PDB file of N, CA and C in Angstrom:
ATOM      1  N   UNK A   1      32.752 -16.465 -13.416  1.00  0.00           N
ATOM      2  CA  UNK A   1      31.884 -15.339 -13.138  1.00  0.00           C
ATOM      3  C   UNK A   1      30.923 -15.725 -12.016  1.00  0.00           C
ATOM      4  N   UNK A   2      30.908 -14.938 -10.942  1.00  0.00           N
ATOM      5  CA  UNK A   2      30.010 -15.210  -9.824  1.00  0.00           C
ATOM      6  C   UNK A   2      28.825 -14.257  -9.863  1.00  0.00           C
ATOM      7  N   UNK A   3      27.707 -14.757  -9.383  1.00  0.00           N
ATOM      8  CA  UNK A   3      26.510 -13.930  -9.328  1.00  0.00           C
ATOM      9  C   UNK A   3      26.464 -13.276  -7.962  1.00  0.00           C
ATOM     10  N   UNK A   4      26.362 -11.946  -7.968  1.00  0.00           N
ATOM     11  CA  UNK A   4      26.264 -11.202  -6.713  1.00  0.00           C
ATOM     12  C   UNK A   4      24.823 -10.797  -6.487  1.00  0.00           C
ATOM     13  N   UNK A   5      24.385 -10.920  -5.267  1.00  0.00           N
ATOM     14  CA  UNK A   5      23.034 -10.500  -4.912  1.00  0.00           C
ATOM     15  C   UNK A   5      23.151  -9.180  -4.172  1.00  0.00           C
ATOM     16  N   UNK A   6      22.450  -8.184  -4.690  1.00  0.00           N
ATOM     17  CA  UNK A   6      22.515  -6.839  -4.116  1.00  0.00           C
ATOM     18  C   UNK A   6      21.273  -6.580  -3.272  1.00  0.00           C
ATOM     19  N   UNK A   7      21.474  -5.905  -2.159  1.00  0.00           N
ATOM     20  CA  UNK A   7      20.350  -5.598  -1.284  1.00  0.00           C
ATOM     21  C   UNK A   7      19.477  -4.506  -1.912  1.00  0.00           C
ATOM     22  N   UNK A   8      18.244  -4.440  -1.467  1.00  0.00           N
ATOM     23  CA  UNK A   8      17.320  -3.427  -1.969  1.00  0.00           C
ATOM     24  C   UNK A   8      17.830  -2.029  -1.620  1.00  0.00           C
ATOM     25  N   UNK A   9      18.418  -1.901  -0.443  1.00  0.00           N
ATOM     26  CA  UNK A   9      18.959  -0.608  -0.014  1.00  0.00           C
ATOM     27  C   UNK A   9      20.077  -0.154  -0.947  1.00  0.00           C
ATOM     28  N   UNK A  10      20.948  -1.079  -1.319  1.00  0.00           N
ATOM     29  CA  UNK A  10      22.068  -0.747  -2.201  1.00  0.00           C
ATOM     30  C   UNK A  10      21.570  -0.392  -3.597  1.00  0.00           C
ATOM     31  N   UNK A  11      20.571  -1.154  -4.091  1.00  0.00           N
ATOM     32  CA  UNK A  11      19.996  -0.865  -5.406  1.00  0.00           C
ATOM     33  C   UNK A  11      19.385   0.531  -5.424  1.00  0.00           C
ATOM     34  N   UNK A  12      18.656   0.867  -4.355  1.00  0.00           N
ATOM     35  CA  UNK A  12      18.019   2.184  -4.265  1.00  0.00           C
ATOM     36  C   UNK A  12      19.067   3.287  -4.236  1.00  0.00           C
ATOM     37  N   UNK A  13      20.130   3.061  -3.491  1.00  0.00           N
ATOM     38  CA  UNK A  13      21.209   4.041  -3.385  1.00  0.00           C
ATOM     39  C   UNK A  13      21.861   4.291  -4.752  1.00  0.00           C
ATOM     40  N   UNK A  14      22.167   3.225  -5.452  1.00  0.00           N
ATOM     41  CA  UNK A  14      22.803   3.335  -6.770  1.00  0.00           C
ATOM     42  C   UNK A  14      21.854   3.997  -7.769  1.00  0.00           C
ATOM     43  N   UNK A  15      20.592   3.578  -7.755  1.00  0.00           N
ATOM     44  CA  UNK A  15      19.609   4.150  -8.682  1.00  0.00           C
ATOM     45  C   UNK A  15      19.422   5.639  -8.414  1.00  0.00           C
ATOM     46  N   UNK A  16      19.397   6.017  -7.148  1.00  0.00           N
ATOM     47  CA  UNK A  16      19.245   7.433  -6.797  1.00  0.00           C
ATOM     48  C   UNK A  16      20.441   8.251  -7.275  1.00  0.00           C
ATOM     49  N   UNK A  17      21.622   7.690  -7.145  1.00  0.00           N
ATOM     50  CA  UNK A  17      22.813   8.376  -7.664  1.00  0.00           C
ATOM     51  C   UNK A  17      22.708   8.588  -9.176  1.00  0.00           C
ATOM     52  N   UNK A  18      22.230   7.577  -9.867  1.00  0.00           N
ATOM     53  CA  UNK A  18      22.081   7.675 -11.320  1.00  0.00           C
ATOM     54  C   UNK A  18      21.015   8.700 -11.692  1.00  0.00           C
ATOM     55  N   UNK A  19      19.944   8.751 -10.921  1.00  0.00           N
ATOM     56  CA  UNK A  19      18.874   9.714 -11.200  1.00  0.00           C
ATOM     57  C   UNK A  19      19.345  11.143 -10.961  1.00  0.00           C
ATOM     58  N   UNK A  20      20.136  11.350  -9.928  1.00  0.00           N
ATOM     59  CA  UNK A  20      20.628  12.692  -9.591  1.00  0.00           C
ATOM     60  C   UNK A  20      21.556  13.256 -10.667  1.00  0.00           C
ATOM     61  N   UNK A  21      22.201  12.383 -11.433  1.00  0.00           N
ATOM     62  CA  UNK A  21      23.137  12.789 -12.487  1.00  0.00           C
ATOM     63  C   UNK A  21      24.332  13.583 -11.966  1.00  0.00           C
ATOM     64  N   UNK A  22      24.701  13.377 -10.702  1.00  0.00           N
ATOM     65  CA  UNK A  22      25.896  14.021 -10.173  1.00  0.00           C
ATOM     66  C   UNK A  22      27.151  13.322 -10.689  1.00  0.00           C
ATOM     67  N   UNK A  23      26.996  12.029 -10.977  1.00  0.00           N
ATOM     68  CA  UNK A  23      28.065  11.228 -11.584  1.00  0.00           C
ATOM     69  C   UNK A  23      27.471  10.532 -12.794  1.00  0.00           C
ATOM     70  N   UNK A  24      28.342  10.163 -13.716  1.00  0.00           N
ATOM     71  CA  UNK A  24      27.866   9.404 -14.871  1.00  0.00           C
ATOM     72  C   UNK A  24      27.626   7.959 -14.443  1.00  0.00           C
ATOM     73  N   UNK A  25      26.853   7.257 -15.238  1.00  0.00           N
ATOM     74  CA  UNK A  25      26.589   5.852 -14.959  1.00  0.00           C
ATOM     75  C   UNK A  25      27.892   5.073 -14.955  1.00  0.00           C
ATOM     76  N   UNK A  26      28.797   5.428 -15.829  1.00  0.00           N
ATOM     77  CA  UNK A  26      30.098   4.754 -15.893  1.00  0.00           C
ATOM     78  C   UNK A  26      30.882   4.960 -14.599  1.00  0.00           C
ATOM     79  N   UNK A  27      30.875   6.171 -14.062  1.00  0.00           N
ATOM     80  CA  UNK A  27      31.571   6.432 -12.796  1.00  0.00           C
ATOM     81  C   UNK A  27      30.942   5.643 -11.649  1.00  0.00           C
ATOM     82  N   UNK A  28      29.625   5.615 -11.616  1.00  0.00           N
ATOM     83  CA  UNK A  28      28.928   4.858 -10.565  1.00  0.00           C
ATOM     84  C   UNK A  28      29.245   3.368 -10.684  1.00  0.00           C
ATOM     85  N   UNK A  29      29.264   2.873 -11.920  1.00  0.00           N
ATOM     86  CA  UNK A  29      29.553   1.449 -12.128  1.00  0.00           C
ATOM     87  C   UNK A  29      30.968   1.108 -11.675  1.00  0.00           C
ATOM     88  N   UNK A  30      31.899   2.012 -11.881  1.00  0.00           N
ATOM     89  CA  UNK A  30      33.273   1.771 -11.427  1.00  0.00           C
ATOM     90  C   UNK A  30      33.362   1.829  -9.904  1.00  0.00           C
ATOM     91  N   UNK A  31      32.622   2.775  -9.289  1.00  0.00           N
ATOM     92  CA  UNK A  31      32.651   2.909  -7.828  1.00  0.00           C
ATOM     93  C   UNK A  31      32.066   1.671  -7.137  1.00  0.00           C
ATOM     94  N   UNK A  32      30.973   1.174  -7.675  1.00  0.00           N
ATOM     95  CA  UNK A  32      30.265   0.063  -7.035  1.00  0.00           C
ATOM     96  C   UNK A  32      30.571  -1.297  -7.663  1.00  0.00           C
ATOM     97  N   UNK A  33      31.365  -1.295  -8.721  1.00  0.00           N
ATOM     98  CA  UNK A  33      31.719  -2.520  -9.446  1.00  0.00           C
ATOM     99  C   UNK A  33      30.463  -3.259  -9.922  1.00  0.00           C
ATOM    100  N   UNK A  34      29.603  -2.487 -10.583  1.00  0.00           N
ATOM    101  CA  UNK A  34      28.343  -2.997 -11.133  1.00  0.00           C
ATOM    102  C   UNK A  34      28.297  -2.618 -12.603  1.00  0.00           C
ATOM    103  N   UNK A  35      27.757  -3.489 -13.429  1.00  0.00           N
ATOM    104  CA  UNK A  35      27.669  -3.212 -14.861  1.00  0.00           C
ATOM    105  C   UNK A  35      26.720  -2.030 -15.107  1.00  0.00           C
ATOM    106  N   UNK A  36      27.092  -1.116 -16.011  1.00  0.00           N
ATOM    107  CA  UNK A  36      26.259   0.060 -16.292  1.00  0.00           C
ATOM    108  C   UNK A  36      24.822  -0.282 -16.715  1.00  0.00           C
ATOM    109  N   UNK A  37      24.653  -1.378 -17.444  1.00  0.00           N
ATOM    110  CA  UNK A  37      23.291  -1.733 -17.868  1.00  0.00           C
ATOM    111  C   UNK A  37      22.412  -2.086 -16.671  1.00  0.00           C
ATOM    112  N   UNK A  38      23.006  -2.666 -15.639  1.00  0.00           N
ATOM    113  CA  UNK A  38      22.267  -2.993 -14.430  1.00  0.00           C
ATOM    114  C   UNK A  38      21.850  -1.714 -13.700  1.00  0.00           C
ATOM    115  N   UNK A  39      22.734  -0.750 -13.669  1.00  0.00           N
ATOM    116  CA  UNK A  39      22.410   0.546 -13.050  1.00  0.00           C
ATOM    117  C   UNK A  39      21.266   1.213 -13.803  1.00  0.00           C
ATOM    118  N   UNK A  40      21.340   1.199 -15.116  1.00  0.00           N
ATOM    119  CA  UNK A  40      20.263   1.789 -15.921  1.00  0.00           C
ATOM    120  C   UNK A  40      18.935   1.056 -15.699  1.00  0.00           C
ATOM    121  N   UNK A  41      19.012  -0.258 -15.534  1.00  0.00           N
ATOM    122  CA  UNK A  41      17.796  -1.041 -15.264  1.00  0.00           C
ATOM    123  C   UNK A  41      17.196  -0.623 -13.931  1.00  0.00           C
ATOM    124  N   UNK A  42      18.004  -0.519 -12.888  1.00  0.00           N
ATOM    125  CA  UNK A  42      17.518  -0.117 -11.575  1.00  0.00           C
ATOM    126  C   UNK A  42      16.940   1.303 -11.616  1.00  0.00           C
ATOM    127  N   UNK A  43      17.619   2.170 -12.339  1.00  0.00           N
ATOM    128  CA  UNK A  43      17.152   3.553 -12.478  1.00  0.00           C
ATOM    129  C   UNK A  43      15.766   3.568 -13.128  1.00  0.00           C
ATOM    130  N   UNK A  44      15.592   2.797 -14.184  1.00  0.00           N
ATOM    131  CA  UNK A  44      14.296   2.730 -14.873  1.00  0.00           C
ATOM    132  C   UNK A  44      13.211   2.159 -13.963  1.00  0.00           C
ATOM    133  N   UNK A  45      13.562   1.155 -13.174  1.00  0.00           N
ATOM    134  CA  UNK A  45      12.596   0.561 -12.251  1.00  0.00           C
ATOM    135  C   UNK A  45      12.139   1.568 -11.202  1.00  0.00           C
ATOM    136  N   UNK A  46      13.076   2.361 -10.702  1.00  0.00           N
ATOM    137  CA  UNK A  46      12.730   3.374  -9.699  1.00  0.00           C
ATOM    138  C   UNK A  46      11.812   4.424 -10.317  1.00  0.00           C
ATOM    139  N   UNK A  47      12.177   4.928 -11.460  1.00  0.00           N
ATOM    140  CA  UNK A  47      11.365   5.958 -12.118  1.00  0.00           C
ATOM    141  C   UNK A  47       9.989   5.409 -12.477  1.00  0.00           C
ATOM    142  N   UNK A  48       9.944   4.196 -12.980  1.00  0.00           N
ATOM    143  CA  UNK A  48       8.669   3.577 -13.341  1.00  0.00           C
ATOM    144  C   UNK A  48       7.787   3.274 -12.140  1.00  0.00           C
ATOM    145  N   UNK A  49       8.400   3.037 -10.999  1.00  0.00           N
ATOM    146  CA  UNK A  49       7.640   2.677  -9.806  1.00  0.00           C
ATOM    147  C   UNK A  49       7.213   3.846  -8.947  1.00  0.00           C
ATOM    148  N   UNK A  50       7.628   5.050  -9.278  1.00  0.00           N
ATOM    149  CA  UNK A  50       7.291   6.200  -8.447  1.00  0.00           C
ATOM    150  C   UNK A  50       5.792   6.431  -8.345  1.00  0.00           C
ATOM    151  N   UNK A  51       5.068   6.236  -9.427  1.00  0.00           N
ATOM    152  CA  UNK A  51       3.625   6.501  -9.398  1.00  0.00           C
ATOM    153  C   UNK A  51       2.893   5.547  -8.472  1.00  0.00           C
ATOM    154  N   UNK A  52       3.425   4.357  -8.272  1.00  0.00           N
ATOM    155  CA  UNK A  52       2.738   3.392  -7.403  1.00  0.00           C
ATOM    156  C   UNK A  52       2.732   3.838  -5.949  1.00  0.00           C
ATOM    157  N   UNK A  53       3.667   4.672  -5.569  1.00  0.00           N
ATOM    158  CA  UNK A  53       3.696   5.197  -4.201  1.00  0.00           C
ATOM    159  C   UNK A  53       2.399   5.948  -3.925  1.00  0.00           C
ATOM    160  N   UNK A  54       1.987   6.773  -4.868  1.00  0.00           N
ATOM    161  CA  UNK A  54       0.785   7.571  -4.697  1.00  0.00           C
ATOM    162  C   UNK A  54      -0.467   6.736  -4.907  1.00  0.00           C
ATOM    163  N   UNK A  55      -0.401   5.725  -5.746  1.00  0.00           N
ATOM    164  CA  UNK A  55      -1.544   4.845  -5.962  1.00  0.00           C
ATOM    165  C   UNK A  55      -1.849   4.043  -4.701  1.00  0.00           C
ATOM    166  N   UNK A  56      -0.822   3.657  -3.960  1.00  0.00           N
ATOM    167  CA  UNK A  56      -1.025   2.910  -2.726  1.00  0.00           C
ATOM    168  C   UNK A  56      -1.788   3.754  -1.719  1.00  0.00           C
ATOM    169  N   UNK A  57      -1.457   5.064  -1.647  1.00  0.00           N
ATOM    170  CA  UNK A  57      -2.169   5.955  -0.731  1.00  0.00           C
ATOM    171  C   UNK A  57      -3.642   6.038  -1.095  1.00  0.00           C
ATOM    172  N   UNK A  58      -3.935   6.152  -2.391  1.00  0.00           N
ATOM    173  CA  UNK A  58      -5.328   6.234  -2.836  1.00  0.00           C
ATOM    174  C   UNK A  58      -6.062   4.926  -2.537  1.00  0.00           C
ATOM    175  N   UNK A  59      -5.411   3.819  -2.791  1.00  0.00           N
ATOM    176  CA  UNK A  59      -6.029   2.520  -2.546  1.00  0.00           C
ATOM    177  C   UNK A  59      -6.313   2.337  -1.048  1.00  0.00           C
ATOM    178  N   UNK A  60      -5.397   2.785  -0.222  1.00  0.00           N
ATOM    179  CA  UNK A  60      -5.572   2.662   1.220  1.00  0.00           C
ATOM    180  C   UNK A  60      -6.744   3.525   1.690  1.00  0.00           C
ATOM    181  N   UNK A  61      -6.847   4.752   1.183  1.00  0.00           N
ATOM    182  CA  UNK A  61      -7.959   5.631   1.547  1.00  0.00           C
ATOM    183  C   UNK A  61      -9.292   5.051   1.080  1.00  0.00           C
ATOM    184  N   UNK A  62      -9.315   4.498  -0.117  1.00  0.00           N
ATOM    185  CA  UNK A  62     -10.536   3.890  -0.637  1.00  0.00           C
ATOM    186  C   UNK A  62     -10.941   2.698   0.224  1.00  0.00           C
ATOM    187  N   UNK A  63      -9.993   1.875   0.620  1.00  0.00           N
ATOM    188  CA  UNK A  63     -10.270   0.726   1.473  1.00  0.00           C
ATOM    189  C   UNK A  63     -10.860   1.184   2.807  1.00  0.00           C
ATOM    190  N   UNK A  64     -10.292   2.223   3.391  1.00  0.00           N
ATOM    191  CA  UNK A  64     -10.781   2.747   4.667  1.00  0.00           C
ATOM    192  C   UNK A  64     -12.202   3.268   4.519  1.00  0.00           C
ATOM    193  N   UNK A  65     -12.476   3.985   3.427  1.00  0.00           N
ATOM    194  CA  UNK A  65     -13.825   4.503   3.193  1.00  0.00           C
ATOM    195  C   UNK A  65     -14.828   3.362   3.051  1.00  0.00           C
ATOM    196  N   UNK A  66     -14.455   2.326   2.327  1.00  0.00           N
ATOM    197  CA  UNK A  66     -15.349   1.170   2.164  1.00  0.00           C
ATOM    198  C   UNK A  66     -15.612   0.488   3.500  1.00  0.00           C
ATOM    199  N   UNK A  67     -14.585   0.329   4.327  1.00  0.00           N
ATOM    200  CA  UNK A  67     -14.750  -0.303   5.633  1.00  0.00           C
ATOM    201  C   UNK A  67     -15.645   0.547   6.532  1.00  0.00           C
ATOM    202  N   UNK A  68     -15.461   1.872   6.510  1.00  0.00           N
ATOM    203  CA  UNK A  68     -16.287   2.755   7.325  1.00  0.00           C
ATOM    204  C   UNK A  68     -17.755   2.684   6.893  1.00  0.00           C
ATOM    205  N   UNK A  69     -18.005   2.633   5.586  1.00  0.00           N
ATOM    206  CA  UNK A  69     -19.372   2.522   5.079  1.00  0.00           C
ATOM    207  C   UNK A  69     -19.985   1.188   5.519  1.00  0.00           C
ATOM    208  N   UNK A  70     -19.196   0.144   5.484  1.00  0.00           N
ATOM    209  CA  UNK A  70     -19.663  -1.184   5.898  1.00  0.00           C
ATOM    210  C   UNK A  70     -20.005  -1.189   7.394  1.00  0.00           C
ATOM    211  N   UNK A  71     -19.159  -0.586   8.199  1.00  0.00           N
ATOM    212  CA  UNK A  71     -19.393  -0.500   9.643  1.00  0.00           C
ATOM    213  C   UNK A  71     -20.664   0.294   9.925  1.00  0.00           C
ATOM    214  N   UNK A  72     -20.845   1.400   9.212  1.00  0.00           N
ATOM    215  CA  UNK A  72     -22.047   2.214   9.388  1.00  0.00           C
ATOM    216  C   UNK A  72     -23.313   1.405   9.066  1.00  0.00           C
ATOM    217  N   UNK A  73     -23.268   0.629   7.992  1.00  0.00           N
ATOM    218  CA  UNK A  73     -24.406  -0.206   7.601  1.00  0.00           C
ATOM    219  C   UNK A  73     -24.696  -1.255   8.674  1.00  0.00           C
ATOM    220  N   UNK A  74     -23.656  -1.858   9.225  1.00  0.00           N
ATOM    221  CA  UNK A  74     -23.828  -2.869  10.272  1.00  0.00           C
ATOM    222  C   UNK A  74     -24.410  -2.230  11.541  1.00  0.00           C
ATOM    223  N   UNK A  75     -23.941  -1.034  11.895  1.00  0.00           N
ATOM    224  CA  UNK A  75     -24.466  -0.349  13.069  1.00  0.00           C
ATOM    225  C   UNK A  75     -25.951  -0.023  12.904  1.00  0.00           C
ATOM    226  N   UNK A  76     -26.355   0.403  11.715  1.00  0.00           N
ATOM    227  CA  UNK A  76     -27.775   0.678  11.451  1.00  0.00           C
ATOM    228  C   UNK A  76     -28.596  -0.590  11.593  1.00  0.00           C
ATOM    229  N   UNK A  77     -28.105  -1.671  11.032  1.00  0.00           N
ATOM    230  CA  UNK A  77     -28.815  -2.949  11.093  1.00  0.00           C
ATOM    231  C   UNK A  77     -28.929  -3.416  12.539  1.00  0.00           C
ATOM    232  N   UNK A  78     -27.857  -3.277  13.314  1.00  0.00           N
ATOM    233  CA  UNK A  78     -27.868  -3.662  14.716  1.00  0.00           C
ATOM    234  C   UNK A  78     -28.879  -2.828  15.491  1.00  0.00           C
ATOM    235  N   UNK A  79     -28.919  -1.534  15.238  1.00  0.00           N
ATOM    236  CA  UNK A  79     -29.895  -0.659  15.893  1.00  0.00           C
ATOM    237  C   UNK A  79     -31.317  -1.096  15.578  1.00  0.00           C
ATOM    238  N   UNK A  80     -31.560  -1.441  14.328  1.00  0.00           N
ATOM    239  CA  UNK A  80     -32.885  -1.906  13.916  1.00  0.00           C
ATOM    240  C   UNK A  80     -33.249  -3.203  14.642  1.00  0.00           C
ATOM    241  N   UNK A  81     -32.320  -4.116  14.760  1.00  0.00           N
ATOM    242  CA  UNK A  81     -32.567  -5.395  15.441  1.00  0.00           C
ATOM    243  C   UNK A  81     -32.854  -5.165  16.920  1.00  0.00           C
ATOM    244  N   UNK A  82     -32.126  -4.258  17.561  1.00  0.00           N
ATOM    245  CA  UNK A  82     -32.351  -3.962  18.977  1.00  0.00           C
ATOM    246  C   UNK A  82     -33.756  -3.410  19.179  1.00  0.00           C
ATOM    247  N   UNK A  83     -34.177  -2.487  18.336  1.00  0.00           N
ATOM    248  CA  UNK A  83     -35.523  -1.915  18.436  1.00  0.00           C
ATOM    249  C   UNK A  83     -36.585  -2.991  18.231  1.00  0.00           C
ATOM    250  N   UNK A  84     -36.405  -3.832  17.225  1.00  0.00           N
ATOM    251  CA  UNK A  84     -37.359  -4.915  16.972  1.00  0.00           C
ATOM    252  C   UNK A  84     -37.415  -5.878  18.160  1.00  0.00           C
ATOM    253  N   UNK A  85     -36.287  -6.187  18.754  1.00  0.00           N
ATOM    254  CA  UNK A  85     -36.216  -7.093  19.894  1.00  0.00           C
ATOM    255  C   UNK A  85     -36.968  -6.511  21.086  1.00  0.00           C
ATOM    256  N   UNK A  86     -36.754  -5.230  21.355  1.00  0.00           N
ATOM    257  CA  UNK A  86     -37.461  -4.578  22.461  1.00  0.00           C
ATOM    258  C   UNK A  86     -38.962  -4.580  22.211  1.00  0.00           C
ATOM    259  N   UNK A  87     -39.386  -4.313  20.998  1.00  0.00           N
ATOM    260  CA  UNK A  87     -40.803  -4.308  20.640  1.00  0.00           C
ATOM    261  C   UNK A  87     -41.409  -5.698  20.862  1.00  0.00           C
ATOM    262  N   UNK A  88     -40.700  -6.731  20.431  1.00  0.00           N
ATOM    263  CA  UNK A  88     -41.193  -8.101  20.586  1.00  0.00           C
ATOM    264  C   UNK A  88     -41.279  -8.501  22.060  1.00  0.00           C
ATOM    265  N   UNK A  89     -40.280  -8.114  22.851  1.00  0.00           N
ATOM    266  CA  UNK A  89     -40.319  -8.423  24.289  1.00  0.00           C
ATOM    267  C   UNK A  89     -41.532  -7.779  24.949  1.00  0.00           C
ATOM    268  N   UNK A  90     -41.764  -6.513  24.621  1.00  0.00           N
ATOM    269  CA  UNK A  90     -42.874  -5.775  25.199  1.00  0.00           C
ATOM    270  C   UNK A  90     -44.208  -6.417  24.816  1.00  0.00           C
ATOM    271  N   UNK A  91     -44.376  -6.750  23.544  1.00  0.00           N
ATOM    272  CA  UNK A  91     -45.627  -7.343  23.081  1.00  0.00           C
ATOM    273  C   UNK A  91     -45.796  -8.778  23.574  1.00  0.00           C
ATOM    274  N   UNK A  92     -44.728  -9.500  23.732  1.00  0.00           N
ATOM    275  CA  UNK A  92     -44.811 -10.874  24.231  1.00  0.00           C
ATOM    276  C   UNK A  92     -45.300 -10.868  25.686  1.00  0.00           C
ATOM    277  N   UNK A  93     -44.767  -9.911  26.443  1.00  0.00           N
ATOM    278  CA  UNK A  93     -45.192  -9.798  27.832  1.00  0.00           C
ATOM    279  C   UNK A  93     -46.674  -9.437  27.903  1.00  0.00           C
ATOM    280  N   UNK A  94     -47.157  -8.585  27.018  1.00  0.00           N
ATOM    281  CA  UNK A  94     -48.562  -8.196  26.973  1.00  0.00           C
ATOM    282  C   UNK A  94     -49.451  -9.398  26.611  1.00  0.00           C
ATOM    283  N   UNK A  95     -49.002 -10.232  25.673  1.00  0.00           N
ATOM    284  CA  UNK A  95     -49.762 -11.390  25.231  1.00  0.00           C
ATOM    285  C   UNK A  95     -49.836 -12.448  26.337  1.00  0.00           C
ATOM    286  N   UNK A  96     -48.803 -12.578  27.148  1.00  0.00           N
ATOM    287  CA  UNK A  96     -48.737 -13.582  28.196  1.00  0.00           C
ATOM    288  C   UNK A  96     -49.691 -13.270  29.357  1.00  0.00           C
ATOM    289  N   UNK A  97     -50.117 -12.038  29.515  1.00  0.00           N
ATOM    290  CA  UNK A  97     -51.009 -11.660  30.632  1.00  0.00           C
ATOM    291  C   UNK A  97     -52.396 -12.131  30.453  1.00  0.00           C
TER     292      UNK A  97
END
């Protein structure tokens, strides 16, 4: 018995066929020469993983919002430092006279 390694593309294709129910798992297993339990496992993994697609979008949006808030805070701080620097330069020049 040899161990075959299946590509992610092939697993997705087989799992999608099983989800569509256009063919039985037994027919798909005969077409692709894969054990039916493996097809059912891939099908379950696809169905179970569907929600993570949408969670990734939410996580990405949250990350972007956090980065934008951080940038805004840094810009405010930089503006404050520039104003303080200008004030100090002006007063230092006055003190030196």
